[in-house]
Protein backbone atom coordinates (compact mmCIF):
# COMPACT_ATOMS: atom_id res chain seq x y z
CA UNK A 1 134.84 83.22 138.39
CA UNK A 2 138.03 81.39 139.04
CA UNK A 3 136.79 78.51 141.15
CA UNK A 4 133.81 78.00 138.82
CA UNK A 5 135.99 78.06 135.67
CA UNK A 6 138.66 75.95 137.29
CA UNK A 7 136.17 73.11 137.87
CA UNK A 8 134.47 73.49 134.50
CA UNK A 9 137.81 73.65 132.70
CA UNK A 10 138.48 70.05 133.80
CA UNK A 11 135.00 68.89 132.79
CA UNK A 12 134.02 71.07 129.90
CA UNK A 13 136.36 73.76 128.54
CA UNK A 14 133.43 75.65 127.01
CA UNK A 15 130.71 75.67 129.60
CA UNK A 16 131.17 79.21 131.05
């Protein structure tokens, strides 16, 4: 889940 986390990290750091 790198690509998914990478994109969420910029938007919401706690959405995974």
